Amino acid sequence: MKKPVTERALIKRLNRHLPKDGLKLFQCKINAHGHHELGNYYIVDTKMNMINAIHVDIEHLARHEGVLKEYEEIIK
């Protein structure tokens, strides 16, 4: 059985980890003007003040960055 991690907790973990690389994860609201272009999540390079990645899969990103372990799973 995997340990449950909420989406909100995962976002907080990522936003504690990403600033080391000058990045920050943002959530785009569904009714926002640019949602269809940005997706649910996007990353901003805070040093260059520009969008670094769009349509980010937070589970894939978290596993790649090592903030979501193999024994953990996201719950909605």
N, C-alpha and C. Protein backbone atom coordinates (compact mmCIF):
# COMPACT_ATOMS: atom_id res chain seq x y z
N MET A 1 0.85 -1.18 0.00
CA MET A 1 0.00 0.00 0.00
C MET A 1 0.89 1.24 0.00
N LYS A 2 0.56 2.17 -0.89
CA LYS A 2 1.35 3.39 -1.01
C LYS A 2 0.84 4.46 -0.05
N LYS A 3 1.75 5.30 0.38
CA LYS A 3 1.40 6.40 1.28
C LYS A 3 0.74 7.52 0.47
N PRO A 4 -0.44 7.96 0.87
CA PRO A 4 -1.12 9.02 0.12
C PRO A 4 -0.52 10.41 0.36
N VAL A 5 -0.42 11.18 -0.70
CA VAL A 5 0.06 12.56 -0.65
C VAL A 5 -0.95 13.40 -1.41
N THR A 6 -1.44 14.46 -0.80
CA THR A 6 -2.42 15.30 -1.49
C THR A 6 -1.73 16.14 -2.56
N GLU A 7 -2.50 16.55 -3.53
CA GLU A 7 -2.00 17.40 -4.61
C GLU A 7 -1.45 18.71 -4.03
N ARG A 8 -2.14 19.24 -3.06
CA ARG A 8 -1.72 20.49 -2.42
C ARG A 8 -0.36 20.33 -1.73
N ALA A 9 -0.17 19.22 -1.03
CA ALA A 9 1.11 18.96 -0.37
C ALA A 9 2.23 18.78 -1.39
N LEU A 10 1.91 18.14 -2.51
CA LEU A 10 2.90 17.94 -3.55
C LEU A 10 3.33 19.27 -4.17
N ILE A 11 2.39 20.16 -4.38
CA ILE A 11 2.70 21.49 -4.92
C ILE A 11 3.61 22.24 -3.95
N LYS A 12 3.33 22.14 -2.67
CA LYS A 12 4.19 22.81 -1.67
C LYS A 12 5.60 22.23 -1.69
N ARG A 13 5.70 20.90 -1.80
CA ARG A 13 7.01 20.26 -1.88
C ARG A 13 7.79 20.77 -3.09
N LEU A 14 7.10 20.81 -4.23
CA LEU A 14 7.76 21.27 -5.44
C LEU A 14 8.21 22.73 -5.32
N ASN A 15 7.36 23.56 -4.74
CA ASN A 15 7.71 24.98 -4.62
C ASN A 15 8.77 25.24 -3.55
N ARG A 16 9.06 24.28 -2.70
CA ARG A 16 10.21 24.39 -1.80
C ARG A 16 11.49 23.94 -2.52
N HIS A 17 11.33 23.02 -3.47
CA HIS A 17 12.48 22.45 -4.17
C HIS A 17 12.90 23.27 -5.40
N LEU A 18 11.96 23.73 -6.19
CA LEU A 18 12.25 24.38 -7.46
C LEU A 18 13.00 25.71 -7.36
N PRO A 19 12.82 26.52 -6.31
CA PRO A 19 13.56 27.80 -6.25
C PRO A 19 15.08 27.64 -6.27
N LYS A 20 15.58 26.47 -5.94
CA LYS A 20 17.02 26.23 -6.01
C LYS A 20 17.53 26.41 -7.44
N ASP A 21 16.64 26.16 -8.40
CA ASP A 21 16.98 26.31 -9.82
C ASP A 21 16.39 27.59 -10.41
N GLY A 22 15.85 28.45 -9.54
CA GLY A 22 15.26 29.70 -10.01
C GLY A 22 13.90 29.52 -10.66
N LEU A 23 13.17 28.48 -10.26
CA LEU A 23 11.87 28.16 -10.85
C LEU A 23 10.76 28.20 -9.81
N LYS A 24 9.53 28.41 -10.29
CA LYS A 24 8.37 28.35 -9.41
C LYS A 24 7.20 27.76 -10.19
N LEU A 25 6.46 26.87 -9.52
CA LEU A 25 5.29 26.21 -10.11
C LEU A 25 4.05 27.03 -9.80
N PHE A 26 3.23 27.25 -10.82
CA PHE A 26 1.97 27.97 -10.66
C PHE A 26 0.82 27.10 -11.15
N GLN A 27 -0.34 27.31 -10.54
CA GLN A 27 -1.56 26.63 -10.97
C GLN A 27 -2.42 27.64 -11.70
N CYS A 28 -2.88 27.27 -12.87
CA CYS A 28 -3.73 28.14 -13.68
C CYS A 28 -5.19 27.73 -13.46
N LYS A 29 -6.01 28.67 -13.07
CA LYS A 29 -7.42 28.36 -12.84
C LYS A 29 -8.10 28.01 -14.16
N ILE A 30 -9.06 27.11 -14.08
CA ILE A 30 -9.74 26.61 -15.27
C ILE A 30 -10.43 27.74 -16.04
N ASN A 31 -10.98 28.73 -15.34
CA ASN A 31 -11.69 29.81 -16.03
C ASN A 31 -10.77 30.98 -16.41
N ALA A 32 -9.46 30.83 -16.23
CA ALA A 32 -8.51 31.89 -16.57
C ALA A 32 -8.38 32.01 -18.09
N HIS A 33 -8.04 33.20 -18.52
CA HIS A 33 -7.94 33.50 -19.95
C HIS A 33 -6.93 32.59 -20.67
N GLY A 34 -5.78 32.33 -20.07
CA GLY A 34 -4.74 31.55 -20.74
C GLY A 34 -4.70 30.08 -20.40
N HIS A 35 -5.76 29.55 -19.78
CA HIS A 35 -5.73 28.15 -19.34
C HIS A 35 -5.49 27.18 -20.49
N HIS A 36 -6.10 27.42 -21.63
CA HIS A 36 -5.93 26.48 -22.75
C HIS A 36 -4.49 26.47 -23.27
N GLU A 37 -3.76 27.56 -23.09
CA GLU A 37 -2.35 27.62 -23.52
C GLU A 37 -1.39 27.11 -22.45
N LEU A 38 -1.69 27.40 -21.18
CA LEU A 38 -0.78 27.06 -20.09
C LEU A 38 -1.03 25.69 -19.49
N GLY A 39 -2.26 25.23 -19.50
CA GLY A 39 -2.62 23.98 -18.85
C GLY A 39 -2.92 24.22 -17.38
N ASN A 40 -3.11 23.15 -16.62
CA ASN A 40 -3.42 23.28 -15.19
C ASN A 40 -2.24 23.82 -14.40
N TYR A 41 -1.02 23.43 -14.79
CA TYR A 41 0.19 23.86 -14.08
C TYR A 41 1.21 24.33 -15.09
N TYR A 42 1.97 25.35 -14.69
CA TYR A 42 3.07 25.84 -15.53
C TYR A 42 4.19 26.31 -14.62
N ILE A 43 5.39 26.38 -15.18
CA ILE A 43 6.58 26.76 -14.42
C ILE A 43 7.13 28.08 -14.96
N VAL A 44 7.48 28.97 -14.03
CA VAL A 44 8.07 30.25 -14.39
C VAL A 44 9.52 30.28 -13.92
N ASP A 45 10.40 30.75 -14.81
CA ASP A 45 11.80 31.00 -14.45
C ASP A 45 11.83 32.37 -13.79
N THR A 46 12.08 32.40 -12.49
CA THR A 46 12.00 33.66 -11.75
C THR A 46 13.19 34.57 -12.01
N LYS A 47 14.28 34.03 -12.50
CA LYS A 47 15.45 34.86 -12.82
C LYS A 47 15.24 35.61 -14.14
N MET A 48 14.66 34.93 -15.11
CA MET A 48 14.42 35.54 -16.43
C MET A 48 13.02 36.15 -16.52
N ASN A 49 12.16 35.86 -15.53
CA ASN A 49 10.79 36.34 -15.50
C ASN A 49 10.03 35.94 -16.77
N MET A 50 10.12 34.64 -17.09
CA MET A 50 9.40 34.12 -18.25
C MET A 50 8.94 32.69 -17.99
N ILE A 51 7.95 32.27 -18.75
CA ILE A 51 7.41 30.92 -18.61
C ILE A 51 8.45 29.92 -19.12
N ASN A 52 8.72 28.91 -18.30
CA ASN A 52 9.72 27.91 -18.60
C ASN A 52 9.10 26.63 -19.16
N ALA A 53 7.92 26.25 -18.65
CA ALA A 53 7.25 25.02 -19.08
C ALA A 53 5.74 25.19 -18.94
N ILE A 54 5.00 24.61 -19.88
CA ILE A 54 3.54 24.64 -19.83
C ILE A 54 3.01 23.21 -19.81
N HIS A 55 1.75 23.07 -19.44
CA HIS A 55 1.08 21.76 -19.36
C HIS A 55 1.94 20.77 -18.56
N VAL A 56 2.36 21.19 -17.37
CA VAL A 56 3.25 20.39 -16.53
C VAL A 56 2.47 19.27 -15.83
N ASP A 57 2.99 18.06 -15.92
CA ASP A 57 2.46 16.91 -15.19
C ASP A 57 3.18 16.91 -13.85
N ILE A 58 2.49 17.33 -12.78
CA ILE A 58 3.16 17.51 -11.49
C ILE A 58 3.66 16.19 -10.90
N GLU A 59 2.96 15.08 -11.17
CA GLU A 59 3.44 13.80 -10.65
C GLU A 59 4.76 13.41 -11.31
N HIS A 60 4.83 13.54 -12.62
CA HIS A 60 6.06 13.23 -13.34
C HIS A 60 7.20 14.15 -12.89
N LEU A 61 6.92 15.44 -12.78
CA LEU A 61 7.92 16.40 -12.33
C LEU A 61 8.41 16.07 -10.92
N ALA A 62 7.48 15.78 -10.02
CA ALA A 62 7.84 15.48 -8.63
C ALA A 62 8.69 14.22 -8.52
N ARG A 63 8.36 13.22 -9.30
CA ARG A 63 9.17 11.99 -9.28
C ARG A 63 10.56 12.26 -9.87
N HIS A 64 10.61 13.03 -10.94
CA HIS A 64 11.89 13.37 -11.58
C HIS A 64 12.78 14.18 -10.64
N GLU A 65 12.18 15.11 -9.89
CA GLU A 65 12.93 15.96 -8.97
C GLU A 65 13.22 15.26 -7.63
N GLY A 66 12.59 14.11 -7.40
CA GLY A 66 12.85 13.35 -6.18
C GLY A 66 12.04 13.79 -4.97
N VAL A 67 10.98 14.58 -5.18
CA VAL A 67 10.17 15.02 -4.05
C VAL A 67 8.95 14.12 -3.82
N LEU A 68 8.69 13.20 -4.75
CA LEU A 68 7.64 12.20 -4.58
C LEU A 68 8.31 10.84 -4.72
N LYS A 69 8.34 10.09 -3.64
CA LYS A 69 9.04 8.81 -3.60
C LYS A 69 8.20 7.70 -4.23
N GLU A 70 8.83 6.59 -4.52
CA GLU A 70 8.15 5.45 -5.13
C GLU A 70 7.02 4.90 -4.28
N TYR A 71 7.16 5.00 -2.96
CA TYR A 71 6.15 4.46 -2.05
C TYR A 71 5.01 5.45 -1.78
N GLU A 72 4.98 6.56 -2.51
CA GLU A 72 3.92 7.57 -2.34
C GLU A 72 3.07 7.66 -3.61
N GLU A 73 1.81 8.07 -3.43
CA GLU A 73 0.91 8.29 -4.55
C GLU A 73 0.08 9.54 -4.29
N ILE A 74 -0.32 10.20 -5.37
CA ILE A 74 -1.14 11.42 -5.26
C ILE A 74 -2.59 11.02 -5.10
N ILE A 75 -3.27 11.68 -4.16
CA ILE A 75 -4.72 11.52 -4.02
C ILE A 75 -5.35 12.87 -4.35
N LYS A 76 -6.51 12.83 -4.93
CA LYS A 76 -7.21 14.06 -5.32
C LYS A 76 -8.09 14.55 -4.20
